[in-house]
Amino acid sequence: MLDWIIPIGLITLFSITMVYSNMRLGKPRRDGRPNKLPWGFIMVFCVLGIFLMVVHLFNLAGFETGPEHSLLGRF
């Protein structure tokens, strides 16, 4: 059961971080200086983390993922 709880928790953490970074992306700081953190890159890495956790959950459910199991096969 812990194999399912950790990826679902990470998906929620990445989702919350992605929403927060989306809110902070277009706004300047209160003192007018530029942002210290690249919020766009943080949002992209959160989407990558969500994708990896979803693939991991598919593997835990018993579905085989990867190029050798795709419809088109390995090129």
C-alpha atoms as a PDB file:
ATOM      1  CA  MET A   1       0.000   0.000   0.000  1.00  0.00           C
ATOM      2  CA  LEU A   2       2.924   2.318   0.641  1.00  0.00           C
ATOM      3  CA  ASP A   3       3.893   1.865  -3.012  1.00  0.00           C
ATOM      4  CA  TRP A   4       0.663   3.643  -3.942  1.00  0.00           C
ATOM      5  CA  ILE A   5       0.643   6.304  -1.204  1.00  0.00           C
ATOM      6  CA  ILE A   6       4.037   7.840  -1.979  1.00  0.00           C
ATOM      7  CA  PRO A   7       3.401   8.495  -5.721  1.00  0.00           C
ATOM      8  CA  ILE A   8      -0.090   9.863  -5.032  1.00  0.00           C
ATOM      9  CA  GLY A   9       1.368  12.155  -2.360  1.00  0.00           C
ATOM     10  CA  LEU A  10       4.065  13.314  -4.763  1.00  0.00           C
ATOM     11  CA  ILE A  11       1.463  13.979  -7.449  1.00  0.00           C
ATOM     12  CA  THR A  12      -0.475  16.218  -5.045  1.00  0.00           C
ATOM     13  CA  LEU A  13       2.742  17.981  -3.950  1.00  0.00           C
ATOM     14  CA  PHE A  14       3.802  18.570  -7.564  1.00  0.00           C
ATOM     15  CA  SER A  15       0.291  19.794  -8.429  1.00  0.00           C
ATOM     16  CA  ILE A  16       0.251  22.289  -5.557  1.00  0.00           C
ATOM     17  CA  THR A  17       3.738  23.513  -6.462  1.00  0.00           C
ATOM     18  CA  MET A  18       2.731  23.836 -10.115  1.00  0.00           C
ATOM     19  CA  VAL A  19      -0.343  25.927  -9.266  1.00  0.00           C
ATOM     20  CA  TYR A  20       1.707  28.165  -6.945  1.00  0.00           C
ATOM     21  CA  SER A  21       4.444  28.656  -9.540  1.00  0.00           C
ATOM     22  CA  ASN A  22       1.788  29.466 -12.157  1.00  0.00           C
ATOM     23  CA  MET A  23       0.441  32.198  -9.874  1.00  0.00           C
ATOM     24  CA  ARG A  24       3.932  33.590  -9.298  1.00  0.00           C
ATOM     25  CA  LEU A  25       5.086  33.345 -12.929  1.00  0.00           C
ATOM     26  CA  GLY A  26       3.828  36.646 -14.299  1.00  0.00           C
ATOM     27  CA  LYS A  27       4.005  38.766 -11.167  1.00  0.00           C
ATOM     28  CA  PRO A  28       6.970  40.918 -10.156  1.00  0.00           C
ATOM     29  CA  ARG A  29       8.133  41.016  -6.574  1.00  0.00           C
ATOM     30  CA  ARG A  30       6.631  43.574  -4.220  1.00  0.00           C
ATOM     31  CA  ASP A  31       9.800  45.677  -4.212  1.00  0.00           C
ATOM     32  CA  GLY A  32      10.010  45.682  -8.036  1.00  0.00           C
ATOM     33  CA  ARG A  33      13.131  43.566  -8.383  1.00  0.00           C
ATOM     34  CA  PRO A  34      13.154  40.520 -10.664  1.00  0.00           C
ATOM     35  CA  ASN A  35      12.267  37.091  -9.293  1.00  0.00           C
ATOM     36  CA  LYS A  36      15.056  34.972  -7.860  1.00  0.00           C
ATOM     37  CA  LEU A  37      13.452  31.666  -8.799  1.00  0.00           C
ATOM     38  CA  PRO A  38      12.688  30.663 -12.410  1.00  0.00           C
ATOM     39  CA  TRP A  39       9.008  29.860 -11.912  1.00  0.00           C
ATOM     40  CA  GLY A  40       8.569  28.660 -15.495  1.00  0.00           C
ATOM     41  CA  PHE A  41      11.235  25.964 -15.113  1.00  0.00           C
ATOM     42  CA  ILE A  42       9.796  24.914 -11.760  1.00  0.00           C
ATOM     43  CA  MET A  43       6.396  24.478 -13.390  1.00  0.00           C
ATOM     44  CA  VAL A  44       7.866  22.394 -16.243  1.00  0.00           C
ATOM     45  CA  PHE A  45       9.720  20.130 -13.790  1.00  0.00           C
ATOM     46  CA  CYS A  46       6.517  19.669 -11.772  1.00  0.00           C
ATOM     47  CA  VAL A  47       4.712  18.505 -14.923  1.00  0.00           C
ATOM     48  CA  LEU A  48       7.595  16.112 -15.613  1.00  0.00           C
ATOM     49  CA  GLY A  49       7.359  14.760 -12.058  1.00  0.00           C
ATOM     50  CA  ILE A  50       3.597  14.249 -12.386  1.00  0.00           C
ATOM     51  CA  PHE A  51       4.115  12.381 -15.670  1.00  0.00           C
ATOM     52  CA  LEU A  52       6.743  10.111 -14.114  1.00  0.00           C
ATOM     53  CA  MET A  53       4.523   9.338 -11.120  1.00  0.00           C
ATOM     54  CA  VAL A  54       1.554   8.510 -13.382  1.00  0.00           C
ATOM     55  CA  VAL A  55       3.721   6.113 -15.405  1.00  0.00           C
ATOM     56  CA  HIS A  56       4.920   4.575 -12.140  1.00  0.00           C
ATOM     57  CA  LEU A  57       1.315   4.094 -11.007  1.00  0.00           C
ATOM     58  CA  PHE A  58       0.495   2.420 -14.334  1.00  0.00           C
ATOM     59  CA  ASN A  59       3.386   0.026 -13.761  1.00  0.00           C
ATOM     60  CA  LEU A  60       2.164  -0.702 -10.237  1.00  0.00           C
ATOM     61  CA  ALA A  61      -1.301  -1.444 -11.622  1.00  0.00           C
ATOM     62  CA  GLY A  62       0.164  -4.124 -13.862  1.00  0.00           C
ATOM     63  CA  PHE A  63       0.212  -2.377 -17.220  1.00  0.00           C
ATOM     64  CA  GLU A  64       3.507  -2.703 -19.069  1.00  0.00           C
ATOM     65  CA  THR A  65       4.923   0.598 -20.306  1.00  0.00           C
ATOM     66  CA  GLY A  66       7.868   1.271 -22.548  1.00  0.00           C
ATOM     67  CA  PRO A  67       8.720   1.178 -26.232  1.00  0.00           C
ATOM     68  CA  GLU A  68       8.762  -2.621 -26.475  1.00  0.00           C
ATOM     69  CA  HIS A  69       5.097  -2.747 -25.412  1.00  0.00           C
ATOM     70  CA  SER A  70       3.780   0.062 -27.606  1.00  0.00           C
ATOM     71  CA  LEU A  71       1.480  -0.340 -30.593  1.00  0.00           C
ATOM     72  CA  LEU A  72       4.161   0.639 -33.092  1.00  0.00           C
ATOM     73  CA  GLY A  73       6.941  -1.365 -31.488  1.00  0.00           C
ATOM     74  CA  ARG A  74      10.549  -0.329 -31.181  1.00  0.00           C
ATOM     75  CA  PHE A  75      12.041   1.413 -34.205  1.00  0.00           C
END
